[in-house]
Amino acid sequence: MTIIQDPKTHKPRDMGAIRHAYQSRDPEATKIAHETSPLLHGNQEGHAGLGSTFVKSIVFGGLDGILTTFAIVSAAVGASDKIDTASVLIFGFANLFADGFAMGFGEYTSSRAEMDFAKAERERERWELESHPEGEKKEMVDLYVSKGVSREDATLVMETLMKYPEVYLDLMMVDELGILPDDGDASGPTKQGVMMFASFVTFGAVPLLAYIPNETPWVAFMISCVLTTLCLGVLGGLKGHLSQTHSITAGIQMVINGCFAASVSYFVSYAISHALPVQPEVAHGSHHRSMAFVS
């Protein structure tokens, strides 16, 4: 259950109850949820929780991990029905950790760049506000007038807010530049990168689990399909839960997406392997790979 701090009373507010009231469209419930401030487990978090903060990294990292790994499995099976399970595990896990690192580092660098850009723009707006406050006020007034607010009301609001520079800067960042204010967490990009890597590797390992018991290739592939489908459904449900949308619908969408991606990988690999003058084949009883000419 999510608890945030009420900006007026500085007491914890139950966001779970507030969201439930909205979903049920119950005015009385939302009134009670906003007016009461239950203290649960002594938790007075000032944010929306770890899940919502890292939802993008969890969902996209997990989805990319599953699809990337299962695409490799599908391509291997499509290219040759004689490929051994050891080959699938070797190439699968090697690719999983390499791609996971690339995804995690990419998430870190993009988050860091986004944070640095937001800080630079905020400093620029701060300097402009200090150097030419009337010009900045006019820009904001004109912006709100264009949204339908009367010039008199817009001027009154801006003059009032300009007494609080940090609040006014937040408003300028969002309304003028479309940039959300920085939450002040300098380690945010690192956390995003680690979360992306962890999610990618954790979910991406699922399609390979079926090959660890050293089942026959087709049996392992069928089990891998089942495990991947279940995991995609769970990940889709998680996405729906964290983003406050329908979990079942989100899960079905994830499964359809995964099935389509795996099918493309399988059939492309099958077509290319049969179009080439040579076809990969794995000798039975050993992990030695040879090339057999297609007659």
C-alpha atoms as a PDB file:
ATOM      1  CA  MET A   1       0.000   0.000   0.000  1.00  0.00           C
ATOM      2  CA  THR A   2       1.451   3.351  -1.054  1.00  0.00           C
ATOM      3  CA  ILE A   3       1.817   6.186   1.455  1.00  0.00           C
ATOM      4  CA  ILE A   4       2.823   9.724   0.556  1.00  0.00           C
ATOM      5  CA  GLN A   5       3.069  12.850   2.658  1.00  0.00           C
ATOM      6  CA  ASP A   6       0.253  15.370   2.540  1.00  0.00           C
ATOM      7  CA  PRO A   7       1.806  18.722   1.501  1.00  0.00           C
ATOM      8  CA  LYS A   8      -0.502  20.635   3.873  1.00  0.00           C
ATOM      9  CA  THR A   9      -0.545  18.542   7.026  1.00  0.00           C
ATOM     10  CA  HIS A  10       2.738  16.674   6.454  1.00  0.00           C
ATOM     11  CA  LYS A  11       0.931  13.524   7.559  1.00  0.00           C
ATOM     12  CA  PRO A  12       0.948  10.268   5.598  1.00  0.00           C
ATOM     13  CA  ARG A  13      -1.794   9.798   3.019  1.00  0.00           C
ATOM     14  CA  ASP A  14      -2.941   6.400   1.748  1.00  0.00           C
ATOM     15  CA  MET A  15      -2.619   6.607  -2.040  1.00  0.00           C
ATOM     16  CA  GLY A  16      -3.974   3.072  -2.403  1.00  0.00           C
ATOM     17  CA  ALA A  17      -7.311   4.165  -0.931  1.00  0.00           C
ATOM     18  CA  ILE A  18      -7.336   7.290  -3.089  1.00  0.00           C
ATOM     19  CA  ARG A  19      -6.728   5.305  -6.295  1.00  0.00           C
ATOM     20  CA  HIS A  20      -9.342   2.715  -5.311  1.00  0.00           C
ATOM     21  CA  ALA A  21     -11.889   5.499  -4.766  1.00  0.00           C
ATOM     22  CA  TYR A  22     -11.134   6.853  -8.235  1.00  0.00           C
ATOM     23  CA  GLN A  23     -11.405   3.434  -9.894  1.00  0.00           C
ATOM     24  CA  SER A  24     -14.774   2.819  -8.250  1.00  0.00           C
ATOM     25  CA  ARG A  25     -15.852   6.433  -8.947  1.00  0.00           C
ATOM     26  CA  ASP A  26     -16.969   6.796  -5.326  1.00  0.00           C
ATOM     27  CA  PRO A  27     -17.043  10.512  -4.296  1.00  0.00           C
ATOM     28  CA  GLU A  28     -17.587   9.679  -0.626  1.00  0.00           C
ATOM     29  CA  ALA A  29     -14.633   7.284  -0.587  1.00  0.00           C
ATOM     30  CA  THR A  30     -12.314   9.823  -2.172  1.00  0.00           C
ATOM     31  CA  LYS A  31     -13.434  12.436   0.363  1.00  0.00           C
ATOM     32  CA  ILE A  32     -12.643  10.080   3.249  1.00  0.00           C
ATOM     33  CA  ALA A  33      -9.305   9.051   1.704  1.00  0.00           C
ATOM     34  CA  HIS A  34      -8.196  12.679   1.381  1.00  0.00           C
ATOM     35  CA  GLU A  35      -9.386  13.794   4.789  1.00  0.00           C
ATOM     36  CA  THR A  36      -8.001  10.883   6.815  1.00  0.00           C
ATOM     37  CA  SER A  37      -4.289  10.203   7.249  1.00  0.00           C
ATOM     38  CA  PRO A  38      -3.726   6.637   8.460  1.00  0.00           C
ATOM     39  CA  LEU A  39      -0.239   5.754   9.635  1.00  0.00           C
ATOM     40  CA  LEU A  40       0.619   2.287   8.334  1.00  0.00           C
ATOM     41  CA  HIS A  41       3.684   0.437   9.621  1.00  0.00           C
ATOM     42  CA  GLY A  42       5.275   3.752  10.548  1.00  0.00           C
ATOM     43  CA  ASN A  43       5.916   4.386   6.879  1.00  0.00           C
ATOM     44  CA  GLN A  44       5.878   8.042   5.877  1.00  0.00           C
ATOM     45  CA  GLU A  45       7.339   7.938   2.406  1.00  0.00           C
ATOM     46  CA  GLY A  46       7.613  11.125   0.444  1.00  0.00           C
ATOM     47  CA  HIS A  47       7.316   9.383  -2.879  1.00  0.00           C
ATOM     48  CA  ALA A  48       5.081   6.991  -4.761  1.00  0.00           C
ATOM     49  CA  GLY A  49       7.125   3.896  -4.047  1.00  0.00           C
ATOM     50  CA  LEU A  50       9.916   1.962  -5.664  1.00  0.00           C
ATOM     51  CA  GLY A  51       7.676   0.191  -8.146  1.00  0.00           C
ATOM     52  CA  SER A  52       6.206   3.329  -9.705  1.00  0.00           C
ATOM     53  CA  THR A  53       9.580   5.101  -9.709  1.00  0.00           C
ATOM     54  CA  PHE A  54      11.264   2.332 -11.677  1.00  0.00           C
ATOM     55  CA  VAL A  55       8.253   1.025 -13.602  1.00  0.00           C
ATOM     56  CA  LYS A  56       9.810   1.919 -16.955  1.00  0.00           C
ATOM     57  CA  SER A  57      13.053   0.117 -16.195  1.00  0.00           C
ATOM     58  CA  ILE A  58      11.275  -2.932 -14.784  1.00  0.00           C
ATOM     59  CA  VAL A  59       8.788  -3.300 -17.634  1.00  0.00           C
ATOM     60  CA  PHE A  60      11.010  -2.404 -20.581  1.00  0.00           C
ATOM     61  CA  GLY A  61      14.024  -4.211 -19.151  1.00  0.00           C
ATOM     62  CA  GLY A  62      12.016  -7.352 -18.451  1.00  0.00           C
ATOM     63  CA  LEU A  63      10.199  -7.278 -21.769  1.00  0.00           C
ATOM     64  CA  ASP A  64      13.409  -6.721 -23.749  1.00  0.00           C
ATOM     65  CA  GLY A  65      15.153  -9.466 -21.780  1.00  0.00           C
ATOM     66  CA  ILE A  66      12.450 -12.052 -22.438  1.00  0.00           C
ATOM     67  CA  LEU A  67      11.978 -11.200 -26.095  1.00  0.00           C
ATOM     68  CA  THR A  68      15.683 -10.935 -26.871  1.00  0.00           C
ATOM     69  CA  THR A  69      16.528 -14.277 -25.285  1.00  0.00           C
ATOM     70  CA  PHE A  70      13.498 -16.104 -26.625  1.00  0.00           C
ATOM     71  CA  ALA A  71      14.210 -14.700 -30.081  1.00  0.00           C
ATOM     72  CA  ILE A  72      17.653 -16.334 -29.911  1.00  0.00           C
ATOM     73  CA  VAL A  73      16.115 -19.625 -28.777  1.00  0.00           C
ATOM     74  CA  SER A  74      13.510 -19.478 -31.546  1.00  0.00           C
ATOM     75  CA  ALA A  75      16.119 -18.591 -34.152  1.00  0.00           C
ATOM     76  CA  ALA A  76      18.330 -21.511 -33.064  1.00  0.00           C
ATOM     77  CA  VAL A  77      15.451 -23.977 -33.332  1.00  0.00           C
ATOM     78  CA  GLY A  78      14.308 -22.502 -36.618  1.00  0.00           C
ATOM     79  CA  ALA A  79      17.783 -22.751 -38.135  1.00  0.00           C
ATOM     80  CA  SER A  80      18.314 -26.396 -37.193  1.00  0.00           C
ATOM     81  CA  ASP A  81      16.212 -29.008 -35.431  1.00  0.00           C
ATOM     82  CA  LYS A  82      19.420 -30.791 -34.393  1.00  0.00           C
ATOM     83  CA  ILE A  83      20.947 -28.019 -32.304  1.00  0.00           C
ATOM     84  CA  ASP A  84      21.951 -29.228 -28.848  1.00  0.00           C
ATOM     85  CA  THR A  85      20.801 -27.739 -25.575  1.00  0.00           C
ATOM     86  CA  ALA A  86      24.340 -26.777 -24.533  1.00  0.00           C
ATOM     87  CA  SER A  87      24.670 -24.503 -27.560  1.00  0.00           C
ATOM     88  CA  VAL A  88      21.389 -22.779 -26.736  1.00  0.00           C
ATOM     89  CA  LEU A  89      22.479 -22.221 -23.131  1.00  0.00           C
ATOM     90  CA  ILE A  90      25.937 -20.926 -24.087  1.00  0.00           C
ATOM     91  CA  PHE A  91      24.762 -18.458 -26.697  1.00  0.00           C
ATOM     92  CA  GLY A  92      21.630 -17.571 -24.745  1.00  0.00           C
ATOM     93  CA  PHE A  93      23.330 -16.661 -21.473  1.00  0.00           C
ATOM     94  CA  ALA A  94      26.273 -14.965 -23.191  1.00  0.00           C
ATOM     95  CA  ASN A  95      23.898 -12.753 -25.134  1.00  0.00           C
ATOM     96  CA  LEU A  96      21.688 -12.225 -22.074  1.00  0.00           C
ATOM     97  CA  PHE A  97      24.433 -10.731 -19.911  1.00  0.00           C
ATOM     98  CA  ALA A  98      26.013  -8.757 -22.750  1.00  0.00           C
ATOM     99  CA  ASP A  99      22.693  -7.202 -23.759  1.00  0.00           C
ATOM    100  CA  GLY A 100      21.744  -6.719 -20.114  1.00  0.00           C
ATOM    101  CA  PHE A 101      24.887  -4.713 -19.474  1.00  0.00           C
ATOM    102  CA  ALA A 102      24.325  -2.660 -22.629  1.00  0.00           C
ATOM    103  CA  MET A 103      20.719  -1.964 -21.641  1.00  0.00           C
ATOM    104  CA  GLY A 104      21.655  -1.036 -18.077  1.00  0.00           C
ATOM    105  CA  PHE A 105      24.468   1.269 -19.158  1.00  0.00           C
ATOM    106  CA  GLY A 106      22.260   2.816 -21.816  1.00  0.00           C
ATOM    107  CA  GLU A 107      19.554   3.508 -19.233  1.00  0.00           C
ATOM    108  CA  TYR A 108      22.139   5.071 -16.927  1.00  0.00           C
ATOM    109  CA  THR A 109      23.593   7.371 -19.593  1.00  0.00           C
ATOM    110  CA  SER A 110      20.181   8.452 -20.912  1.00  0.00           C
ATOM    111  CA  SER A 111      18.882   9.153 -17.385  1.00  0.00           C
ATOM    112  CA  ARG A 112      22.061  11.059 -16.532  1.00  0.00           C
ATOM    113  CA  ALA A 113      21.792  13.119 -19.724  1.00  0.00           C
ATOM    114  CA  GLU A 114      18.136  13.874 -18.984  1.00  0.00           C
ATOM    115  CA  MET A 115      18.984  14.942 -15.427  1.00  0.00           C
ATOM    116  CA  ASP A 116      21.908  17.124 -16.520  1.00  0.00           C
ATOM    117  CA  PHE A 117      19.776  18.781 -19.199  1.00  0.00           C
ATOM    118  CA  ALA A 118      16.988  19.505 -16.695  1.00  0.00           C
ATOM    119  CA  LYS A 119      19.487  21.030 -14.241  1.00  0.00           C
ATOM    120  CA  ALA A 120      21.050  23.189 -16.944  1.00  0.00           C
ATOM    121  CA  GLU A 121      17.658  24.440 -18.107  1.00  0.00           C
ATOM    122  CA  ARG A 122      16.594  25.184 -14.536  1.00  0.00           C
ATOM    123  CA  GLU A 123      19.731  27.246 -13.941  1.00  0.00           C
ATOM    124  CA  ARG A 124      19.100  29.132 -17.163  1.00  0.00           C
ATOM    125  CA  GLU A 125      15.510  29.870 -16.147  1.00  0.00           C
ATOM    126  CA  ARG A 126      16.711  30.923 -12.694  1.00  0.00           C
ATOM    127  CA  TRP A 127      19.168  33.398 -14.226  1.00  0.00           C
ATOM    128  CA  GLU A 128      16.484  34.797 -16.553  1.00  0.00           C
ATOM    129  CA  LEU A 129      14.051  35.149 -13.645  1.00  0.00           C
ATOM    130  CA  GLU A 130      16.651  37.055 -11.616  1.00  0.00           C
ATOM    131  CA  SER A 131      17.814  39.171 -14.561  1.00  0.00           C
ATOM    132  CA  HIS A 132      14.469  39.981 -16.168  1.00  0.00           C
ATOM    133  CA  PRO A 133      11.556  39.065 -13.879  1.00  0.00           C
ATOM    134  CA  GLU A 134       9.001  41.173 -15.737  1.00  0.00           C
ATOM    135  CA  GLY A 135       9.793  39.424 -19.002  1.00  0.00           C
ATOM    136  CA  GLU A 136       9.441  36.015 -17.390  1.00  0.00           C
ATOM    137  CA  LYS A 137       6.159  37.026 -15.790  1.00  0.00           C
ATOM    138  CA  LYS A 138       4.827  38.226 -19.143  1.00  0.00           C
ATOM    139  CA  GLU A 139       5.777  34.937 -20.793  1.00  0.00           C
ATOM    140  CA  MET A 140       3.881  32.941 -18.190  1.00  0.00           C
ATOM    141  CA  VAL A 141       0.887  35.288 -18.242  1.00  0.00           C
ATOM    142  CA  ASP A 142       0.678  35.027 -22.029  1.00  0.00           C
ATOM    143  CA  LEU A 143       0.955  31.256 -21.777  1.00  0.00           C
ATOM    144  CA  TYR A 144      -1.996  30.986 -19.392  1.00  0.00           C
ATOM    145  CA  VAL A 145      -4.020  33.512 -21.367  1.00  0.00           C
ATOM    146  CA  SER A 146      -3.566  31.242 -24.407  1.00  0.00           C
ATOM    147  CA  LYS A 147      -5.068  28.432 -22.307  1.00  0.00           C
ATOM    148  CA  GLY A 148      -8.211  30.456 -21.626  1.00  0.00           C
ATOM    149  CA  VAL A 149      -7.340  32.154 -18.330  1.00  0.00           C
ATOM    150  CA  SER A 150      -8.193  35.844 -18.197  1.00  0.00           C
ATOM    151  CA  ARG A 151      -5.180  38.168 -18.264  1.00  0.00           C
ATOM    152  CA  GLU A 152      -6.207  39.695 -14.929  1.00  0.00           C
ATOM    153  CA  ASP A 153      -6.367  36.307 -13.181  1.00  0.00           C
ATOM    154  CA  ALA A 154      -3.179  35.063 -14.851  1.00  0.00           C
ATOM    155  CA  THR A 155      -1.312  38.208 -13.769  1.00  0.00           C
ATOM    156  CA  LEU A 156      -2.549  37.866 -10.187  1.00  0.00           C
ATOM    157  CA  VAL A 157      -1.504  34.204 -10.023  1.00  0.00           C
ATOM    158  CA  MET A 158       1.959  34.853 -11.481  1.00  0.00           C
ATOM    159  CA  GLU A 159       2.629  37.841  -9.226  1.00  0.00           C
ATOM    160  CA  THR A 160       1.684  35.733  -6.211  1.00  0.00           C
ATOM    161  CA  LEU A 161       3.819  32.763  -7.236  1.00  0.00           C
ATOM    162  CA  MET A 162       6.829  34.951  -8.016  1.00  0.00           C
ATOM    163  CA  LYS A 163       7.104  35.577  -4.262  1.00  0.00           C
ATOM    164  CA  TYR A 164       8.226  31.929  -4.066  1.00  0.00           C
ATOM    165  CA  PRO A 165      11.075  31.591  -6.623  1.00  0.00           C
ATOM    166  CA  GLU A 166      11.573  27.820  -6.342  1.00  0.00           C
ATOM    167  CA  VAL A 167       7.872  27.126  -6.805  1.00  0.00           C
ATOM    168  CA  TYR A 168       7.784  29.544  -9.716  1.00  0.00           C
ATOM    169  CA  LEU A 169      10.793  27.844 -11.294  1.00  0.00           C
ATOM    170  CA  ASP A 170       9.048  24.465 -11.030  1.00  0.00           C
ATOM    171  CA  LEU A 171       6.022  25.948 -12.770  1.00  0.00           C
ATOM    172  CA  MET A 172       8.163  27.428 -15.541  1.00  0.00           C
ATOM    173  CA  MET A 173       9.974  24.144 -16.078  1.00  0.00           C
ATOM    174  CA  VAL A 174       6.715  22.249 -16.586  1.00  0.00           C
ATOM    175  CA  ASP A 175       4.572  24.786 -18.413  1.00  0.00           C
ATOM    176  CA  GLU A 176       7.241  26.537 -20.464  1.00  0.00           C
ATOM    177  CA  LEU A 177       9.691  23.733 -21.203  1.00  0.00           C
ATOM    178  CA  GLY A 178       7.711  20.576 -20.559  1.00  0.00           C
ATOM    179  CA  ILE A 179      10.383  19.305 -18.131  1.00  0.00           C
ATOM    180  CA  LEU A 180       9.428  17.757 -14.805  1.00  0.00           C
ATOM    181  CA  PRO A 181      11.346  19.186 -11.828  1.00  0.00           C
ATOM    182  CA  ASP A 182      14.342  17.166 -10.661  1.00  0.00           C
ATOM    183  CA  ASP A 183      13.599  15.100  -7.545  1.00  0.00           C
ATOM    184  CA  GLY A 184      17.099  15.824  -6.220  1.00  0.00           C
ATOM    185  CA  ASP A 185      18.187  12.183  -6.184  1.00  0.00           C
ATOM    186  CA  ALA A 186      21.708  12.291  -7.622  1.00  0.00           C
ATOM    187  CA  SER A 187      21.911   8.493  -7.602  1.00  0.00           C
ATOM    188  CA  GLY A 188      18.722   8.169  -9.647  1.00  0.00           C
ATOM    189  CA  PRO A 189      20.461   7.330 -12.969  1.00  0.00           C
ATOM    190  CA  THR A 190      22.580   4.662 -11.268  1.00  0.00           C
ATOM    191  CA  LYS A 191      19.496   3.094  -9.690  1.00  0.00           C
ATOM    192  CA  GLN A 192      17.703   3.165 -13.048  1.00  0.00           C
ATOM    193  CA  GLY A 193      20.642   1.459 -14.750  1.00  0.00           C
ATOM    194  CA  VAL A 194      20.938  -1.245 -12.088  1.00  0.00           C
ATOM    195  CA  MET A 195      17.194  -1.846 -12.153  1.00  0.00           C
ATOM    196  CA  MET A 196      17.225  -2.137 -15.945  1.00  0.00           C
ATOM    197  CA  PHE A 197      20.095  -4.663 -15.855  1.00  0.00           C
ATOM    198  CA  ALA A 198      18.525  -6.709 -13.049  1.00  0.00           C
ATOM    199  CA  SER A 199      15.124  -6.812 -14.736  1.00  0.00           C
ATOM    200  CA  PHE A 200      16.622  -7.673 -18.128  1.00  0.00           C
ATOM    201  CA  VAL A 201      18.711 -10.572 -16.767  1.00  0.00           C
ATOM    202  CA  THR A 202      16.024 -11.900 -14.397  1.00  0.00           C
ATOM    203  CA  PHE A 203      13.207 -12.047 -16.914  1.00  0.00           C
ATOM    204  CA  GLY A 204      15.529 -12.821 -19.814  1.00  0.00           C
ATOM    205  CA  ALA A 205      16.765 -16.004 -18.137  1.00  0.00           C
ATOM    206  CA  VAL A 206      13.272 -17.522 -18.124  1.00  0.00           C
ATOM    207  CA  PRO A 207      13.309 -18.866 -21.737  1.00  0.00           C
ATOM    208  CA  LEU A 208      16.617 -20.624 -20.998  1.00  0.00           C
ATOM    209  CA  LEU A 209      15.481 -22.442 -17.841  1.00  0.00           C
ATOM    210  CA  ALA A 210      13.888 -25.225 -19.881  1.00  0.00           C
ATOM    211  CA  TYR A 211      17.273 -26.124 -21.381  1.00  0.00           C
ATOM    212  CA  ILE A 212      19.117 -26.546 -18.073  1.00  0.00           C
ATOM    213  CA  PRO A 213      17.726 -30.088 -17.376  1.00  0.00           C
ATOM    214  CA  ASN A 214      19.217 -31.085 -20.785  1.00  0.00           C
ATOM    215  CA  GLU A 215      15.906 -32.117 -22.307  1.00  0.00           C
ATOM    216  CA  THR A 216      15.715 -32.998 -25.986  1.00  0.00           C
ATOM    217  CA  PRO A 217      15.752 -29.782 -28.087  1.00  0.00           C
ATOM    218  CA  TRP A 218      12.090 -29.806 -29.109  1.00  0.00           C
ATOM    219  CA  VAL A 219      10.835 -30.728 -25.636  1.00  0.00           C
ATOM    220  CA  ALA A 220      12.983 -27.961 -24.139  1.00  0.00           C
ATOM    221  CA  PHE A 221      11.677 -25.527 -26.755  1.00  0.00           C
ATOM    222  CA  MET A 222       8.060 -26.357 -25.958  1.00  0.00           C
ATOM    223  CA  ILE A 223       8.689 -25.911 -22.233  1.00  0.00           C
ATOM    224  CA  SER A 224      10.496 -22.652 -22.977  1.00  0.00           C
ATOM    225  CA  CYS A 225       7.446 -21.434 -24.906  1.00  0.00           C
ATOM    226  CA  VAL A 226       5.180 -22.163 -21.949  1.00  0.00           C
ATOM    227  CA  LEU A 227       7.507 -20.506 -19.413  1.00  0.00           C
ATOM    228  CA  THR A 228       7.956 -17.451 -21.625  1.00  0.00           C
ATOM    229  CA  THR A 229       4.211 -17.083 -22.167  1.00  0.00           C
ATOM    230  CA  LEU A 230       3.518 -17.280 -18.437  1.00  0.00           C
ATOM    231  CA  CYS A 231       6.284 -14.801 -17.641  1.00  0.00           C
ATOM    232  CA  LEU A 232       5.071 -12.349 -20.284  1.00  0.00           C
ATOM    233  CA  GLY A 233       1.597 -12.556 -18.786  1.00  0.00           C
ATOM    234  CA  VAL A 234       2.946 -11.857 -15.292  1.00  0.00           C
ATOM    235  CA  LEU A 235       5.080  -8.976 -16.551  1.00  0.00           C
ATOM    236  CA  GLY A 236       2.113  -7.533 -18.414  1.00  0.00           C
ATOM    237  CA  GLY A 237      -0.027  -7.822 -15.300  1.00  0.00           C
ATOM    238  CA  LEU A 238       2.690  -6.071 -13.295  1.00  0.00           C
ATOM    239  CA  LYS A 239       2.795  -3.295 -15.870  1.00  0.00           C
ATOM    240  CA  GLY A 240      -0.960  -2.908 -15.662  1.00  0.00           C
ATOM    241  CA  HIS A 241      -0.892  -2.846 -11.853  1.00  0.00           C
ATOM    242  CA  LEU A 242       1.886  -0.269 -11.598  1.00  0.00           C
ATOM    243  CA  SER A 243       0.441   1.970 -14.308  1.00  0.00           C
ATOM    244  CA  GLN A 244      -3.090   1.730 -12.879  1.00  0.00           C
ATOM    245  CA  THR A 245      -4.530   0.029 -15.995  1.00  0.00           C
ATOM    246  CA  HIS A 246      -6.307  -3.300 -16.467  1.00  0.00           C
ATOM    247  CA  SER A 247      -3.825  -6.028 -15.515  1.00  0.00           C
ATOM    248  CA  ILE A 248      -5.409  -8.848 -17.554  1.00  0.00           C
ATOM    249  CA  THR A 249      -5.566  -6.751 -20.726  1.00  0.00           C
ATOM    250  CA  ALA A 250      -1.960  -5.647 -20.267  1.00  0.00           C
ATOM    251  CA  GLY A 251      -0.887  -9.259 -19.725  1.00  0.00           C
ATOM    252  CA  ILE A 252      -2.642 -10.444 -22.899  1.00  0.00           C
ATOM    253  CA  GLN A 253      -1.027  -7.640 -24.891  1.00  0.00           C
ATOM    254  CA  MET A 254       2.414  -8.686 -23.648  1.00  0.00           C
ATOM    255  CA  VAL A 255       1.796 -12.336 -24.590  1.00  0.00           C
ATOM    256  CA  ILE A 256       0.621 -11.403 -28.096  1.00  0.00           C
ATOM    257  CA  ASN A 257       3.644  -9.177 -28.567  1.00  0.00           C
ATOM    258  CA  GLY A 258       6.000 -11.938 -27.440  1.00  0.00           C
ATOM    259  CA  CYS A 259       4.375 -14.592 -29.650  1.00  0.00           C
ATOM    260  CA  PHE A 260       4.601 -12.350 -32.695  1.00  0.00           C
ATOM    261  CA  ALA A 261       8.261 -11.459 -32.065  1.00  0.00           C
ATOM    262  CA  ALA A 262       9.246 -15.105 -31.500  1.00  0.00           C
ATOM    263  CA  SER A 263       7.385 -16.217 -34.629  1.00  0.00           C
ATOM    264  CA  VAL A 264       9.202 -13.637 -36.731  1.00  0.00           C
ATOM    265  CA  SER A 265      12.558 -14.784 -35.339  1.00  0.00           C
ATOM    266  CA  TYR A 266      11.760 -18.455 -35.924  1.00  0.00           C
ATOM    267  CA  PHE A 267      10.537 -18.134 -39.508  1.00  0.00           C
ATOM    268  CA  VAL A 268      13.232 -15.666 -40.576  1.00  0.00           C
ATOM    269  CA  SER A 269      15.904 -18.003 -39.205  1.00  0.00           C
ATOM    270  CA  TYR A 270      14.248 -20.985 -40.868  1.00  0.00           C
ATOM    271  CA  ALA A 271      14.009 -19.229 -44.238  1.00  0.00           C
ATOM    272  CA  ILE A 272      17.586 -17.956 -44.204  1.00  0.00           C
ATOM    273  CA  SER A 273      19.075 -21.285 -43.066  1.00  0.00           C
ATOM    274  CA  HIS A 274      17.301 -23.144 -45.875  1.00  0.00           C
ATOM    275  CA  ALA A 275      18.171 -20.523 -48.475  1.00  0.00           C
ATOM    276  CA  LEU A 276      21.917 -20.693 -47.781  1.00  0.00           C
ATOM    277  CA  PRO A 277      24.104 -23.271 -49.569  1.00  0.00           C
ATOM    278  CA  VAL A 278      25.160 -24.685 -46.182  1.00  0.00           C
ATOM    279  CA  GLN A 279      23.098 -25.486 -43.142  1.00  0.00           C
ATOM    280  CA  PRO A 280      24.333 -25.694 -39.524  1.00  0.00           C
ATOM    281  CA  GLU A 281      24.108 -29.110 -37.976  1.00  0.00           C
ATOM    282  CA  VAL A 282      25.195 -30.400 -34.586  1.00  0.00           C
ATOM    283  CA  ALA A 283      26.660 -33.865 -34.337  1.00  0.00           C
ATOM    284  CA  HIS A 284      24.817 -36.168 -31.954  1.00  0.00           C
ATOM    285  CA  GLY A 285      26.659 -37.199 -28.805  1.00  0.00           C
ATOM    286  CA  SER A 286      29.039 -34.238 -28.850  1.00  0.00           C
ATOM    287  CA  HIS A 287      29.061 -30.458 -28.831  1.00  0.00           C
ATOM    288  CA  HIS A 288      31.194 -30.307 -31.988  1.00  0.00           C
ATOM    289  CA  ARG A 289      29.555 -28.114 -34.619  1.00  0.00           C
ATOM    290  CA  SER A 290      30.010 -28.879 -38.278  1.00  0.00           C
ATOM    291  CA  MET A 291      28.632 -27.563 -41.530  1.00  0.00           C
ATOM    292  CA  ALA A 292      26.683 -30.023 -43.678  1.00  0.00           C
ATOM    293  CA  PHE A 293      25.982 -29.162 -47.310  1.00  0.00           C
ATOM    294  CA  VAL A 294      22.336 -29.060 -48.152  1.00  0.00           C
ATOM    295  CA  SER A 295      21.614 -31.381 -51.041  1.00  0.00           C
END
